[in-house]
């Protein structure tokens, strides 16, 4: 009897059991991510607030406010793409386990940015402007529109069966990995590490206990900062 053809990760269909495990690296990534579990309540925001108002110039404060403004929605955009355009196409349960843990991390970041903005911007009007930045700050809106364009590019892709469908899917993933995470998010860490080099507030989650919120972000799993 001929062996059953090996199912590839993006082939249509869902496997439900972890044995035999085809992609143990995903399972290892899931277990490692679990070890990095943290909560927003661990973060000490008071150190940052003191630095923000006592050590930074108005221009530096503006830069920090601009960086965190998109955080109110940035990780939600990434999460939407993971849920709408990636999860449904992964047929290996160990891959879906890791992706589920990553979605938890993204949700935690969204909570973190909410708390960050509440602490950094006590004025309700300024806070409202920050939460609406994706609509009313042109540079942030352009980046968000770019994200939405690529999210929408495969919204109707329900099964990946042809070469062209694989190409569409990979373009979406490359865009989010290289352009959005790699350029938009990580490029903004240049500002973060600049402030860190000055021993000023940096930005942001999993830091050692007692670390400030802005310092904590540099200890987290890869995510974001937007100019």
Protein backbone atom coordinates (compact mmCIF):
# COMPACT_ATOMS: atom_id res chain seq x y z
CA UNK A 1 0.00 0.00 0.00
CA UNK A 2 1.43 3.41 -0.97
CA UNK A 3 2.27 5.84 1.81
CA UNK A 4 -0.17 8.68 2.33
CA UNK A 5 1.24 11.92 0.85
CA UNK A 6 2.66 14.19 3.54
CA UNK A 7 0.33 17.08 4.24
CA UNK A 8 1.99 20.47 4.03
CA UNK A 9 1.32 23.24 6.54
CA UNK A 10 -0.97 25.27 4.29
CA UNK A 11 -2.86 22.40 2.66
CA UNK A 12 -6.65 22.67 3.18
CA UNK A 13 -8.01 20.83 6.22
CA UNK A 14 -7.37 20.65 9.98
CA UNK A 15 -5.55 18.04 11.97
CA UNK A 16 -6.75 17.78 15.57
CA UNK A 17 -4.09 15.75 17.41
CA UNK A 18 -0.48 16.48 18.27
CA UNK A 19 0.70 12.97 17.47
CA UNK A 20 2.35 12.39 15.15
CA UNK A 21 3.75 15.91 15.44
CA UNK A 22 4.89 17.28 12.09
CA UNK A 23 6.30 20.60 13.29
CA UNK A 24 7.85 20.19 16.76
CA UNK A 25 9.54 23.57 16.40
CA UNK A 26 6.12 25.24 16.74
CA UNK A 27 5.45 23.29 19.92
CA UNK A 28 8.82 24.35 21.31
CA UNK A 29 8.04 27.97 20.43
CA UNK A 30 4.68 27.66 22.21
CA UNK A 31 6.31 26.31 25.37
CA UNK A 32 8.97 29.02 25.33
CA UNK A 33 6.31 31.69 24.88
CA UNK A 34 4.45 30.37 27.92
CA UNK A 35 7.59 30.96 29.99
CA UNK A 36 7.43 34.63 28.97
CA UNK A 37 3.96 35.16 30.44
CA UNK A 38 3.57 38.50 32.22
CA UNK A 39 0.81 40.91 33.22
CA UNK A 40 0.35 44.64 32.82
CA UNK A 41 -0.11 44.93 36.58
CA UNK A 42 3.59 44.07 37.04
CA UNK A 43 4.72 47.28 35.35
CA UNK A 44 5.66 50.35 37.39
CA UNK A 45 4.48 53.36 35.40
CA UNK A 46 5.48 55.94 38.01
CA UNK A 47 9.15 55.89 37.00
CA UNK A 48 8.19 56.74 33.43
CA UNK A 49 5.83 59.52 34.44
CA UNK A 50 8.60 61.11 36.49
CA UNK A 51 11.06 60.84 33.59
CA UNK A 52 8.51 62.06 31.05
CA UNK A 53 7.77 65.29 32.91
CA UNK A 54 11.04 65.85 34.73
CA UNK A 55 13.80 64.83 32.32
CA UNK A 56 12.44 65.28 28.80
CA UNK A 57 12.14 68.37 26.64
CA UNK A 58 8.80 69.26 25.00
CA UNK A 59 10.10 67.85 21.72
CA UNK A 60 11.07 64.55 23.33
CA UNK A 61 7.69 64.29 25.04
CA UNK A 62 6.01 64.91 21.70
CA UNK A 63 8.03 62.08 20.17
CA UNK A 64 7.05 59.68 22.97
CA UNK A 65 3.40 60.69 22.68
CA UNK A 66 3.55 60.16 18.92
CA UNK A 67 5.17 56.75 19.35
CA UNK A 68 2.53 55.50 21.74
CA UNK A 69 -0.39 57.05 19.85
CA UNK A 70 -0.46 54.29 17.29
CA UNK A 71 -0.01 51.66 19.99
CA UNK A 72 -3.65 52.19 20.85
CA UNK A 73 -4.53 50.34 17.63
CA UNK A 74 -1.28 49.00 16.17
CA UNK A 75 -1.31 45.57 17.79
CA UNK A 76 -5.03 45.23 17.13
CA UNK A 77 -4.25 45.57 13.43
CA UNK A 78 -1.60 42.85 13.68
CA UNK A 79 -3.99 40.62 15.65
CA UNK A 80 -6.69 41.04 13.02
CA UNK A 81 -4.36 39.81 10.32
CA UNK A 82 -3.29 36.81 12.42
CA UNK A 83 -6.90 35.81 13.08
CA UNK A 84 -8.47 36.65 9.73
CA UNK A 85 -5.68 35.69 7.35
CA UNK A 86 -3.32 33.23 9.02
CA UNK A 87 -4.97 31.01 11.64
CA UNK A 88 -7.56 29.54 9.29
CA UNK A 89 -4.88 28.31 6.87
CA UNK A 90 -2.62 26.48 9.35
CA UNK A 91 -3.59 22.81 9.47
CA UNK A 92 -1.09 21.65 12.14
CA UNK A 93 -2.43 21.89 15.71
CA UNK A 94 1.02 22.68 17.15
CA UNK A 95 1.25 25.68 14.81
CA UNK A 96 -2.20 26.87 15.89
CA UNK A 97 -1.19 26.47 19.55
CA UNK A 98 1.76 28.79 19.06
CA UNK A 99 -0.33 31.28 17.10
CA UNK A 100 -2.96 31.26 19.86
CA UNK A 101 -0.26 32.16 22.38
CA UNK A 102 0.94 34.93 20.12
CA UNK A 103 -2.60 36.29 19.94
CA UNK A 104 -2.67 36.38 23.74
CA UNK A 105 0.56 38.39 23.62
CA UNK A 106 -0.92 40.84 21.14
CA UNK A 107 -4.03 41.26 23.33
CA UNK A 108 -1.77 41.91 26.31
CA UNK A 109 0.05 44.58 24.34
CA UNK A 110 -3.26 46.25 23.52
CA UNK A 111 -4.09 46.32 27.24
CA UNK A 112 -0.61 47.62 27.97
CA UNK A 113 -0.93 50.52 25.51
CA UNK A 114 -4.33 51.40 26.94
CA UNK A 115 -2.81 51.61 30.42
CA UNK A 116 0.25 53.41 29.07
CA UNK A 117 -1.83 56.14 27.45
CA UNK A 118 -4.01 56.49 30.54
CA UNK A 119 -0.85 57.14 32.58
CA UNK A 120 1.09 59.23 30.09
CA UNK A 121 -1.85 61.42 29.06
CA UNK A 122 -4.06 62.23 32.05
CA UNK A 123 -5.83 65.00 30.14
CA UNK A 124 -9.00 63.45 28.60
CA UNK A 125 -8.83 65.57 25.43
CA UNK A 126 -5.18 64.68 24.74
CA UNK A 127 -5.92 61.04 25.44
CA UNK A 128 -8.89 61.08 23.04
CA UNK A 129 -6.64 62.52 20.31
CA UNK A 130 -4.11 59.74 20.88
CA UNK A 131 -6.73 57.02 20.63
CA UNK A 132 -7.97 58.61 17.39
CA UNK A 133 -4.47 58.99 15.95
CA UNK A 134 -5.08 56.28 13.36
CA UNK A 135 -7.66 58.61 11.85
CA UNK A 136 -6.33 62.11 12.48
CA UNK A 137 -2.51 61.91 12.34
CA UNK A 138 -1.53 61.66 8.69
CA UNK A 139 1.69 59.65 9.10
CA UNK A 140 -0.01 57.08 11.33
CA UNK A 141 -3.10 56.91 9.11
CA UNK A 142 -0.94 56.17 6.06
CA UNK A 143 0.73 53.27 7.85
CA UNK A 144 -2.62 51.94 9.02
CA UNK A 145 -4.07 52.23 5.52
CA UNK A 146 -1.10 50.26 4.20
CA UNK A 147 -1.86 47.52 6.75
CA UNK A 148 -5.55 47.45 5.88
CA UNK A 149 -4.73 47.19 2.18
CA UNK A 150 -2.78 43.99 2.77
CA UNK A 151 -5.29 42.58 5.23
CA UNK A 152 -8.00 43.07 2.63
CA UNK A 153 -5.85 41.57 -0.12
CA UNK A 154 -6.64 38.00 0.99
CA UNK A 155 -9.90 38.43 2.87
CA UNK A 156 -11.68 36.27 0.28
CA UNK A 157 -8.98 33.59 0.26
CA UNK A 158 -10.70 30.70 2.05
CA UNK A 159 -8.52 27.84 0.74
CA UNK A 160 -4.95 27.77 -0.55
CA UNK A 161 -4.80 25.31 -3.42
CA UNK A 162 -3.15 26.95 -6.40
CA UNK A 163 0.24 28.53 -6.99
CA UNK A 164 -1.37 31.95 -7.37
CA UNK A 165 -3.24 31.54 -4.05
CA UNK A 166 0.01 30.61 -2.30
CA UNK A 167 1.63 33.66 -3.80
CA UNK A 168 -1.20 35.90 -2.51
CA UNK A 169 -0.91 34.41 0.97
CA UNK A 170 2.89 34.72 1.10
CA UNK A 171 2.77 38.33 -0.06
CA UNK A 172 0.49 39.13 2.88
CA UNK A 173 2.81 37.38 5.34
CA UNK A 174 5.95 38.95 3.88
CA UNK A 175 4.32 42.36 4.04
CA UNK A 176 3.39 42.00 7.71
CA UNK A 177 6.69 40.38 8.72
CA UNK A 178 9.10 42.53 6.71
CA UNK A 179 7.33 45.85 6.17
CA UNK A 180 5.05 46.23 9.17
CA UNK A 181 6.88 44.37 11.94
CA UNK A 182 10.31 44.85 10.41
CA UNK A 183 10.15 48.45 9.21
CA UNK A 184 7.27 50.25 10.90
CA UNK A 185 7.62 48.63 14.31
CA UNK A 186 11.29 47.90 14.73
CA UNK A 187 12.52 51.06 13.02
CA UNK A 188 10.75 53.07 15.71
CA UNK A 189 12.84 51.29 18.33
CA UNK A 190 15.67 53.49 17.12
CA UNK A 191 13.97 56.28 19.08
CA UNK A 192 13.46 53.98 22.03
CA UNK A 193 17.10 52.95 22.22
CA UNK A 194 18.16 56.53 21.68
CA UNK A 195 16.32 57.56 24.83
CA UNK A 196 17.64 54.51 26.62
CA UNK A 197 21.19 55.50 25.69
CA UNK A 198 20.54 58.82 27.42
CA UNK A 199 19.29 56.97 30.54
CA UNK A 200 15.91 58.53 29.93
CA UNK A 201 12.56 56.79 29.63
CA UNK A 202 12.55 54.27 26.85
CA UNK A 203 9.52 52.38 25.78
CA UNK A 204 8.08 49.10 27.13
CA UNK A 205 6.21 44.55 28.14
CA UNK A 206 8.20 41.94 29.91
CA UNK A 207 10.80 43.51 32.09
CA UNK A 208 12.33 42.42 35.37
CA UNK A 209 10.20 43.21 38.41
CA UNK A 210 10.38 46.88 39.29
CA UNK A 211 11.37 48.01 35.83
CA UNK A 212 9.59 51.03 34.39
CA UNK A 213 6.97 50.68 31.70
CA UNK A 214 9.06 52.32 29.01
CA UNK A 215 12.08 50.17 29.80
CA UNK A 216 9.88 47.11 29.96
CA UNK A 217 8.84 47.21 26.31
CA UNK A 218 12.35 46.40 25.16
CA UNK A 219 12.15 43.07 27.01
CA UNK A 220 8.96 41.94 25.33
CA UNK A 221 8.31 39.61 22.42
CA UNK A 222 8.76 41.42 19.06
CA UNK A 223 6.15 44.00 18.41
CA UNK A 224 5.98 47.64 17.85
CA UNK A 225 6.64 51.31 17.85
CA UNK A 226 5.27 53.73 15.28
CA UNK A 227 6.54 57.15 14.35
